[in-house]
C-alpha atoms as a PDB file:
ATOM      1  CA  MET A   1      14.167  11.861 -19.164  1.00  0.00           C
ATOM      2  CA  THR A   2      11.432  14.697 -18.482  1.00  0.00           C
ATOM      3  CA  LEU A   3       8.733  14.750 -16.362  1.00  0.00           C
ATOM      4  CA  SER A   4       6.226  14.579 -19.320  1.00  0.00           C
ATOM      5  CA  GLU A   5       7.770  11.282 -20.245  1.00  0.00           C
ATOM      6  CA  LYS A   6       7.751  10.112 -16.689  1.00  0.00           C
ATOM      7  CA  LEU A   7       4.188  10.726 -16.879  1.00  0.00           C
ATOM      8  CA  SER A   8       3.558   9.621 -20.448  1.00  0.00           C
ATOM      9  CA  TYR A   9       1.329  12.571 -21.039  1.00  0.00           C
ATOM     10  CA  ASP A  10       1.948  16.012 -22.621  1.00  0.00           C
ATOM     11  CA  PHE A  11      -0.271  18.362 -20.886  1.00  0.00           C
ATOM     12  CA  LYS A  12      -1.950  20.645 -23.087  1.00  0.00           C
ATOM     13  CA  ASP A  13      -1.932  23.464 -20.504  1.00  0.00           C
ATOM     14  CA  ALA A  14       1.665  23.639 -19.417  1.00  0.00           C
ATOM     15  CA  SER A  15       0.793  26.323 -16.898  1.00  0.00           C
ATOM     16  CA  LEU A  16      -0.983  23.579 -14.955  1.00  0.00           C
ATOM     17  CA  LEU A  17       2.043  21.487 -14.585  1.00  0.00           C
ATOM     18  CA  ASN A  18       3.958  24.532 -13.364  1.00  0.00           C
ATOM     19  CA  LEU A  19       1.245  25.482 -10.797  1.00  0.00           C
ATOM     20  CA  ALA A  20       1.440  21.926  -9.438  1.00  0.00           C
ATOM     21  CA  LEU A  21       4.784  22.436  -8.751  1.00  0.00           C
ATOM     22  CA  THR A  22       4.922  25.622  -6.897  1.00  0.00           C
ATOM     23  CA  HIS A  23       4.863  25.904  -3.522  1.00  0.00           C
ATOM     24  CA  ARG A  24       3.565  28.733  -1.346  1.00  0.00           C
ATOM     25  CA  SER A  25       7.218  29.589  -0.309  1.00  0.00           C
ATOM     26  CA  TYR A  26       7.947  30.123  -4.053  1.00  0.00           C
ATOM     27  CA  GLN A  27       5.150  32.628  -4.064  1.00  0.00           C
ATOM     28  CA  ASN A  28       5.773  34.199  -0.813  1.00  0.00           C
ATOM     29  CA  GLU A  29       9.128  35.324  -2.301  1.00  0.00           C
ATOM     30  CA  ASN A  30       8.613  35.752  -5.880  1.00  0.00           C
ATOM     31  CA  ALA A  31       5.061  37.283  -5.881  1.00  0.00           C
ATOM     32  CA  ALA A  32       5.840  38.900  -9.140  1.00  0.00           C
ATOM     33  CA  LEU A  33       6.912  35.865 -10.883  1.00  0.00           C
ATOM     34  CA  ALA A  34       4.495  33.128  -9.387  1.00  0.00           C
ATOM     35  CA  GLN A  35       0.940  32.731 -10.564  1.00  0.00           C
ATOM     36  CA  GLY A  36      -0.336  31.332  -7.550  1.00  0.00           C
ATOM     37  CA  ASN A  37       0.776  28.146  -5.480  1.00  0.00           C
ATOM     38  CA  ASN A  38      -0.556  24.272  -5.877  1.00  0.00           C
ATOM     39  CA  GLU A  39      -2.804  24.206  -2.550  1.00  0.00           C
ATOM     40  CA  ARG A  40      -5.988  24.408  -4.771  1.00  0.00           C
ATOM     41  CA  LEU A  41      -4.511  21.718  -7.112  1.00  0.00           C
ATOM     42  CA  GLU A  42      -3.632  19.559  -4.006  1.00  0.00           C
ATOM     43  CA  PHE A  43      -6.765  19.834  -2.569  1.00  0.00           C
ATOM     44  CA  LEU A  44      -8.845  18.891  -6.008  1.00  0.00           C
ATOM     45  CA  GLY A  45      -5.953  15.824  -6.439  1.00  0.00           C
ATOM     46  CA  ASP A  46      -6.591  14.743  -2.939  1.00  0.00           C
ATOM     47  CA  ALA A  47     -10.263  14.362  -3.887  1.00  0.00           C
ATOM     48  CA  VAL A  48      -9.359  12.627  -7.178  1.00  0.00           C
ATOM     49  CA  LEU A  49      -7.389  10.449  -5.547  1.00  0.00           C
ATOM     50  CA  ASP A  50      -9.593   8.889  -3.169  1.00  0.00           C
ATOM     51  CA  LEU A  51     -12.322   8.819  -5.748  1.00  0.00           C
ATOM     52  CA  VAL A  52     -10.272   6.761  -7.778  1.00  0.00           C
ATOM     53  CA  LEU A  53      -8.944   4.788  -5.006  1.00  0.00           C
ATOM     54  CA  SER A  54     -12.326   4.380  -3.559  1.00  0.00           C
ATOM     55  CA  ASP A  55     -13.701   2.844  -6.715  1.00  0.00           C
ATOM     56  CA  LEU A  56     -11.029   0.489  -7.126  1.00  0.00           C
ATOM     57  CA  LEU A  57     -10.901  -1.120  -4.109  1.00  0.00           C
ATOM     58  CA  MET A  58     -14.450  -1.703  -4.073  1.00  0.00           C
ATOM     59  CA  LYS A  59     -14.274  -3.486  -7.326  1.00  0.00           C
ATOM     60  CA  ARG A  60     -10.936  -5.405  -5.734  1.00  0.00           C
ATOM     61  CA  PHE A  61     -12.282  -6.250  -2.488  1.00  0.00           C
ATOM     62  CA  PRO A  62     -16.283  -6.800  -2.204  1.00  0.00           C
ATOM     63  CA  ASP A  63     -16.785  -8.335   1.005  1.00  0.00           C
ATOM     64  CA  LEU A  64     -14.838  -5.497   2.834  1.00  0.00           C
ATOM     65  CA  SER A  65     -16.886  -3.267   5.253  1.00  0.00           C
ATOM     66  CA  GLU A  66     -16.829   0.592   4.922  1.00  0.00           C
ATOM     67  CA  GLY A  67     -14.531   0.674   7.836  1.00  0.00           C
ATOM     68  CA  ASP A  68     -11.849  -1.719   6.286  1.00  0.00           C
ATOM     69  CA  LEU A  69     -12.017  -0.100   2.736  1.00  0.00           C
ATOM     70  CA  SER A  70     -10.796   3.136   4.943  1.00  0.00           C
ATOM     71  CA  LYS A  71      -8.398   2.090   6.356  1.00  0.00           C
ATOM     72  CA  VAL A  72      -6.775   0.362   3.228  1.00  0.00           C
ATOM     73  CA  ARG A  73      -7.450   3.332   1.418  1.00  0.00           C
ATOM     74  CA  ALA A  74      -5.670   5.146   4.112  1.00  0.00           C
ATOM     75  CA  SER A  75      -2.674   3.132   3.956  1.00  0.00           C
ATOM     76  CA  LEU A  76      -2.431   3.772   0.601  1.00  0.00           C
ATOM     77  CA  VAL A  77      -2.474   7.583   0.295  1.00  0.00           C
ATOM     78  CA  ASN A  78      -0.717   8.311   3.603  1.00  0.00           C
ATOM     79  CA  GLU A  79       2.226  10.587   3.581  1.00  0.00           C
ATOM     80  CA  ALA A  80       5.076   8.152   2.992  1.00  0.00           C
ATOM     81  CA  VAL A  81       3.344   6.620   0.192  1.00  0.00           C
ATOM     82  CA  LEU A  82       2.764   9.972  -1.616  1.00  0.00           C
ATOM     83  CA  ALA A  83       6.149  11.322  -0.816  1.00  0.00           C
ATOM     84  CA  ASP A  84       7.811   7.915  -2.558  1.00  0.00           C
ATOM     85  CA  LEU A  85       5.673   8.379  -5.448  1.00  0.00           C
ATOM     86  CA  ALA A  86       6.676  11.933  -5.641  1.00  0.00           C
ATOM     87  CA  LEU A  87      10.372  10.779  -5.626  1.00  0.00           C
ATOM     88  CA  GLU A  88       9.810   8.271  -8.328  1.00  0.00           C
ATOM     89  CA  PHE A  89       8.654  10.821 -10.698  1.00  0.00           C
ATOM     90  CA  GLY A  90      11.561  13.143  -9.802  1.00  0.00           C
ATOM     91  CA  LEU A  91       9.094  16.068  -8.604  1.00  0.00           C
ATOM     92  CA  ASN A  92      11.888  17.098  -5.979  1.00  0.00           C
ATOM     93  CA  GLU A  93      14.117  18.016  -9.127  1.00  0.00           C
ATOM     94  CA  GLU A  94      11.087  20.302 -10.468  1.00  0.00           C
ATOM     95  CA  LEU A  95       9.609  21.810  -7.374  1.00  0.00           C
ATOM     96  CA  HIS A  96       9.521  25.603  -7.043  1.00  0.00           C
ATOM     97  CA  LEU A  97      10.469  26.470  -3.450  1.00  0.00           C
ATOM     98  CA  GLY A  98      11.424  29.485  -1.513  1.00  0.00           C
ATOM     99  CA  ARG A  99      14.710  30.117  -0.299  1.00  0.00           C
ATOM    100  CA  GLY A 100      13.877  29.085   2.765  1.00  0.00           C
ATOM    101  CA  GLU A 101      12.683  26.130   2.248  1.00  0.00           C
ATOM    102  CA  ILE A 102      15.436  24.939  -0.148  1.00  0.00           C
ATOM    103  CA  ILE A 103      17.687  25.646   2.817  1.00  0.00           C
ATOM    104  CA  SER A 104      15.673  23.816   5.282  1.00  0.00           C
ATOM    105  CA  GLY A 105      15.728  20.765   3.076  1.00  0.00           C
ATOM    106  CA  GLY A 106      12.252  21.214   1.541  1.00  0.00           C
ATOM    107  CA  PHE A 107      12.983  19.302  -1.387  1.00  0.00           C
ATOM    108  CA  LEU A 108      13.019  15.935   0.200  1.00  0.00           C
ATOM    109  CA  LYS A 109      10.333  17.098   2.853  1.00  0.00           C
ATOM    110  CA  PRO A 110       7.424  14.456   2.730  1.00  0.00           C
ATOM    111  CA  ARG A 111       4.963  16.770   3.418  1.00  0.00           C
ATOM    112  CA  ILE A 112       5.805  19.273   0.266  1.00  0.00           C
ATOM    113  CA  LEU A 113       6.369  16.013  -1.765  1.00  0.00           C
ATOM    114  CA  ALA A 114       3.031  14.372  -0.855  1.00  0.00           C
ATOM    115  CA  SER A 115       1.072  17.784  -1.541  1.00  0.00           C
ATOM    116  CA  ALA A 116       3.194  18.108  -4.786  1.00  0.00           C
ATOM    117  CA  ILE A 117       2.197  14.891  -6.287  1.00  0.00           C
ATOM    118  CA  GLU A 118      -1.431  15.222  -5.212  1.00  0.00           C
ATOM    119  CA  ALA A 119      -1.188  18.796  -6.859  1.00  0.00           C
ATOM    120  CA  LEU A 120      -0.107  16.833  -9.997  1.00  0.00           C
ATOM    121  CA  ILE A 121      -2.976  14.699 -10.006  1.00  0.00           C
ATOM    122  CA  GLY A 122      -5.286  17.779  -9.852  1.00  0.00           C
ATOM    123  CA  ALA A 123      -3.633  19.391 -12.523  1.00  0.00           C
ATOM    124  CA  TYR A 124      -3.963  16.369 -14.423  1.00  0.00           C
ATOM    125  CA  TYR A 125      -7.458  15.889 -13.858  1.00  0.00           C
ATOM    126  CA  VAL A 126      -7.914  19.323 -15.065  1.00  0.00           C
ATOM    127  CA  ASP A 127      -6.094  19.100 -18.397  1.00  0.00           C
ATOM    128  CA  ALA A 128      -6.975  15.132 -19.360  1.00  0.00           C
ATOM    129  CA  GLY A 129     -10.410  14.970 -17.754  1.00  0.00           C
ATOM    130  CA  PHE A 130     -11.906  12.063 -15.596  1.00  0.00           C
ATOM    131  CA  GLU A 131     -11.445   8.872 -17.402  1.00  0.00           C
ATOM    132  CA  GLN A 132      -7.678   9.615 -18.550  1.00  0.00           C
ATOM    133  CA  VAL A 133      -6.457  10.458 -14.779  1.00  0.00           C
ATOM    134  CA  PHE A 134      -8.540   7.628 -13.453  1.00  0.00           C
ATOM    135  CA  SER A 135      -6.705   4.983 -16.262  1.00  0.00           C
ATOM    136  CA  TRP A 136      -3.138   6.770 -15.190  1.00  0.00           C
ATOM    137  CA  LEU A 137      -3.578   6.240 -11.515  1.00  0.00           C
ATOM    138  CA  GLU A 138      -4.918   2.570 -11.926  1.00  0.00           C
ATOM    139  CA  LYS A 139      -1.847   1.465 -13.564  1.00  0.00           C
ATOM    140  CA  LEU A 140       0.313   3.583 -11.271  1.00  0.00           C
ATOM    141  CA  PHE A 141      -1.040   2.027  -8.295  1.00  0.00           C
ATOM    142  CA  ALA A 142      -1.691  -1.409  -9.582  1.00  0.00           C
ATOM    143  CA  GLU A 143       1.533  -2.522  -8.450  1.00  0.00           C
ATOM    144  CA  ARG A 144       0.688  -1.670  -5.059  1.00  0.00           C
ATOM    145  CA  LEU A 145      -2.964  -2.880  -5.109  1.00  0.00           C
ATOM    146  CA  ASP A 146      -1.420  -6.424  -6.170  1.00  0.00           C
ATOM    147  CA  GLY A 147       0.775  -6.388  -3.332  1.00  0.00           C
ATOM    148  CA  LEU A 148      -1.742  -5.517  -0.513  1.00  0.00           C
ATOM    149  CA  ASP A 149      -1.550  -8.203   2.137  1.00  0.00           C
ATOM    150  CA  LEU A 150      -4.851  -7.727   4.036  1.00  0.00           C
ATOM    151  CA  ASN A 151      -3.726  -9.544   6.951  1.00  0.00           C
ATOM    152  CA  LEU A 152      -0.906  -7.083   7.820  1.00  0.00           C
ATOM    153  CA  HIS A 153      -3.100  -4.251   7.200  1.00  0.00           C
ATOM    154  CA  PHE A 154      -5.487  -5.518   9.780  1.00  0.00           C
ATOM    155  CA  ALA A 155      -3.024  -6.850  11.983  1.00  0.00           C
ATOM    156  CA  SER A 156      -3.337  -4.140  14.718  1.00  0.00           C
ATOM    157  CA  ASP A 157      -6.922  -4.395  15.010  1.00  0.00           C
ATOM    158  CA  TYR A 158      -7.349  -7.528  16.661  1.00  0.00           C
ATOM    159  CA  LYS A 159      -4.760  -6.187  19.231  1.00  0.00           C
ATOM    160  CA  THR A 160      -5.928  -3.022  19.669  1.00  0.00           C
ATOM    161  CA  ARG A 161      -9.509  -4.571  20.460  1.00  0.00           C
ATOM    162  CA  LEU A 162      -7.919  -6.969  22.811  1.00  0.00           C
ATOM    163  CA  GLN A 163      -5.915  -4.302  24.541  1.00  0.00           C
ATOM    164  CA  GLU A 164      -9.095  -1.986  25.309  1.00  0.00           C
ATOM    165  CA  LEU A 165     -11.462  -5.439  26.136  1.00  0.00           C
ATOM    166  CA  SER A 166      -8.744  -6.471  28.472  1.00  0.00           C
ATOM    167  CA  GLN A 167      -7.957  -2.824  30.058  1.00  0.00           C
ATOM    168  CA  GLU A 168     -12.298  -2.352  30.389  1.00  0.00           C
ATOM    169  CA  LYS A 169     -12.957  -5.912  32.109  1.00  0.00           C
ATOM    170  CA  HIS A 170      -9.730  -6.840  33.926  1.00  0.00           C
ATOM    171  CA  ARG A 171      -7.892  -3.422  33.842  1.00  0.00           C
ATOM    172  CA  ALA A 172      -4.605  -5.200  32.379  1.00  0.00           C
ATOM    173  CA  ALA A 173      -2.697  -5.594  29.075  1.00  0.00           C
ATOM    174  CA  PRO A 174      -2.211  -8.187  27.587  1.00  0.00           C
ATOM    175  CA  LYS A 175       1.488  -9.710  27.158  1.00  0.00           C
ATOM    176  CA  TYR A 176       2.870 -11.430  24.006  1.00  0.00           C
ATOM    177  CA  LYS A 177       5.628 -13.898  24.122  1.00  0.00           C
ATOM    178  CA  VAL A 178       7.426 -15.999  21.103  1.00  0.00           C
ATOM    179  CA  ILE A 179       7.247 -19.566  22.725  1.00  0.00           C
ATOM    180  CA  HIS A 180       8.507 -21.439  19.684  1.00  0.00           C
ATOM    181  CA  GLU A 181      10.245 -20.440  15.987  1.00  0.00           C
ATOM    182  CA  GLU A 182      10.843 -23.282  13.188  1.00  0.00           C
ATOM    183  CA  GLY A 183      11.918 -23.142   9.784  1.00  0.00           C
ATOM    184  CA  PRO A 184      15.158 -21.475   8.550  1.00  0.00           C
ATOM    185  CA  ASP A 185      15.903 -18.084   8.750  1.00  0.00           C
ATOM    186  CA  HIS A 186      14.236 -16.955   5.124  1.00  0.00           C
ATOM    187  CA  ASP A 187      11.207 -18.760   5.793  1.00  0.00           C
ATOM    188  CA  LYS A 188      10.613 -18.542   9.707  1.00  0.00           C
ATOM    189  CA  ILE A 189       7.107 -19.911  11.479  1.00  0.00           C
ATOM    190  CA  PHE A 190       6.737 -18.019  14.547  1.00  0.00           C
ATOM    191  CA  HIS A 191       4.814 -19.427  17.513  1.00  0.00           C
ATOM    192  CA  VAL A 192       3.047 -16.663  19.884  1.00  0.00           C
ATOM    193  CA  GLU A 193       1.100 -16.861  23.100  1.00  0.00           C
ATOM    194  CA  VAL A 194      -0.909 -13.884  24.544  1.00  0.00           C
ATOM    195  CA  PHE A 195      -1.256 -13.747  28.189  1.00  0.00           C
ATOM    196  CA  LEU A 196      -3.323 -11.590  30.571  1.00  0.00           C
ATOM    197  CA  GLY A 197      -1.453 -11.583  33.779  1.00  0.00           C
ATOM    198  CA  ASP A 198      -0.253 -15.372  34.353  1.00  0.00           C
ATOM    199  CA  GLN A 199      -2.959 -16.781  32.247  1.00  0.00           C
ATOM    200  CA  PRO A 200      -2.291 -17.690  28.530  1.00  0.00           C
ATOM    201  CA  ILE A 201      -5.859 -16.781  26.620  1.00  0.00           C
ATOM    202  CA  GLY A 202      -4.877 -17.028  22.788  1.00  0.00           C
ATOM    203  CA  ARG A 203      -1.833 -18.798  20.528  1.00  0.00           C
ATOM    204  CA  GLY A 204      -1.266 -18.189  17.234  1.00  0.00           C
ATOM    205  CA  LYS A 205       1.343 -18.879  14.450  1.00  0.00           C
ATOM    206  CA  GLY A 206       2.495 -16.781  11.283  1.00  0.00           C
ATOM    207  CA  ARG A 207       5.269 -16.054   8.791  1.00  0.00           C
ATOM    208  CA  SER A 208       6.019 -12.655  11.122  1.00  0.00           C
ATOM    209  CA  LYS A 209       5.913 -12.019  14.521  1.00  0.00           C
ATOM    210  CA  LYS A 210       3.008  -9.356  13.618  1.00  0.00           C
ATOM    211  CA  LEU A 211       1.041 -12.014  12.230  1.00  0.00           C
ATOM    212  CA  ALA A 212       1.355 -14.593  14.934  1.00  0.00           C
ATOM    213  CA  GLU A 213       0.282 -11.913  17.622  1.00  0.00           C
ATOM    214  CA  GLN A 214      -2.552 -11.009  15.126  1.00  0.00           C
ATOM    215  CA  GLU A 215      -3.841 -14.722  15.511  1.00  0.00           C
ATOM    216  CA  ALA A 216      -2.847 -14.908  19.114  1.00  0.00           C
ATOM    217  CA  ALA A 217      -4.902 -12.097  19.730  1.00  0.00           C
ATOM    218  CA  ARG A 218      -8.003 -13.384  17.466  1.00  0.00           C
ATOM    219  CA  MET A 219      -8.112 -16.188  19.628  1.00  0.00           C
ATOM    220  CA  GLY A 220      -7.785 -14.341  23.167  1.00  0.00           C
ATOM    221  CA  LEU A 221     -10.923 -11.959  21.699  1.00  0.00           C
ATOM    222  CA  GLU A 222     -12.740 -15.239  21.338  1.00  0.00           C
ATOM    223  CA  LYS A 223     -12.147 -16.260  25.125  1.00  0.00           C
ATOM    224  CA  LEU A 224     -13.023 -12.756  26.632  1.00  0.00           C
ATOM    225  CA  VAL A 225     -15.978 -11.537  24.664  1.00  0.00           C
END
């Protein structure tokens, strides 16, 4: 399957697609052949992706604060996620890299792959316009948006706040302990207690240790604030 078939889109200007796949290392080593590199398209694609996801998240989560929306968006556009997307489209097989990057495994470097998918988004936007790239990105991220677990996204927040408050007020770090597990291995419920020194300050339960710790930290915060 060609890249155009994977994208379900034929570029009107094929040079844009070629540019999106051209890394600076290739341009440096093949100045006579390369018409530039993908960095400017990457810059544009990054902005387009942020705008599209901001719009989708605003509509999907009307009650989330600006700060929380930013955190969710950041989790969707981090290097690892974008590199995985690039691999899904097989961009690692389409990239133009310099010999040095090829030797050092550049085709599978997350940074290079993430930059390439952003450049591809930028090229798509220039070639097709905003409405079409919006529709494509909405479909591309639909499964990831449907699978979002906001409790997991913000699980670290309560723990971080409790850590900061404990250090500030008591110069001590909270400790978490699993005090009970129930249910079969495939459907376990964890019970966690959080301690400040020897004093228990909160208890929580959840289907993972992270979620149970989150709930315990939330209860602990209520005691300390």
